Amino acid sequence: MRTALSIAGTDPSGGAGIQADLKTMTMNGVFAMSAITALVAQNTTGVREIVEMSPEFLGQQLDAVFEDIPPDAVKIGMVASCGLIEVIAERLRFYQGKNIVVDPVMVATSGDRLISEEAVEVLKRCLLPLAVVATPNIPEAEILSGMPIQSPADMEAAARQIGDACCCAVLLKGGHNLSDANDFLYADGTGAWFYGARIDNPNTHGTGCTLSSAIAANLAKGFDLPVSIQRAKDYLSGALKAKLNLGHGRGPMQHNFNLTGVFAQEA
């Protein structure tokens, strides 16, 4: 059985972060492992508090995984500070990590900022060049590229800017600011669109985590990048169409998006 490692923060409500990653990887047919960057008190309505792991302890978690069960793919999610980014990059280089997917989580769906400004530059310099693909959404791509994104042409330009500057493929996800579910992949100097129908479901908490984890799982199974992306989009669309209703809260997103455990993907 192929293996995949998620390096990310937690979500006690189960819809995003490490919890969503592990469910997604499992449902996509790989053995899922984790290294926690931060304990996050959050749910679908917002982030209450973040307690970061120390770089030393995160390094110990990564050593424990790589020395025993080397992952066939690595997904990196929320990494909030320079020290954590640096230790991840150093350990991945040391162990020659492969099939690295970086989801540059900067702002939660609720609008809460999850990364310091100085850490963004370290992310671009140290971590993105190790990635097979980075998967920013539009607000994250605007931060990484320094460009406003208001059209498909802007998406293409921003993806090229990030990819050329950081030496990695970039899957720029639509859906934020643009009324579609179309994603643009820039890789090896060429671009391709992945089209998707926008699904009427307000429960979008954790969709970015789910997509990037599904891409990593499919890369671990030996699919190439375009096929892994398409399979991941199909998986996410199926989850959104299921419209699982879990919530009993009072917030604006009271029905927690937590579909990865009930929507099976063929291995």
Foldseek 3Di string as FASTA:
>chain_A
DAEEEEEWADEVQQQAIPSLLCLLLVLLPHHYYYQHQWYWDDFQQDTDDIGGDQLVSSLVRLCVCCVPPQHLEYEYEQHAELSNLVSVLVSCVVSVHPQYEYADDAAFPNGRGRHDLVNLVSCLARPLLSHQEYEYEQVVLCSQQVDHDQDPVSLVVSQVSSCVSRVHKYWYFYDPNDPAGKIWIDDPNDIDIDHDGDDPAPQCGHLSRSLRSQLRSVVSVPDDNVVSNNLSVVQSVVLRVVRDADADDDHPNRRHSNRSNPRHDDD
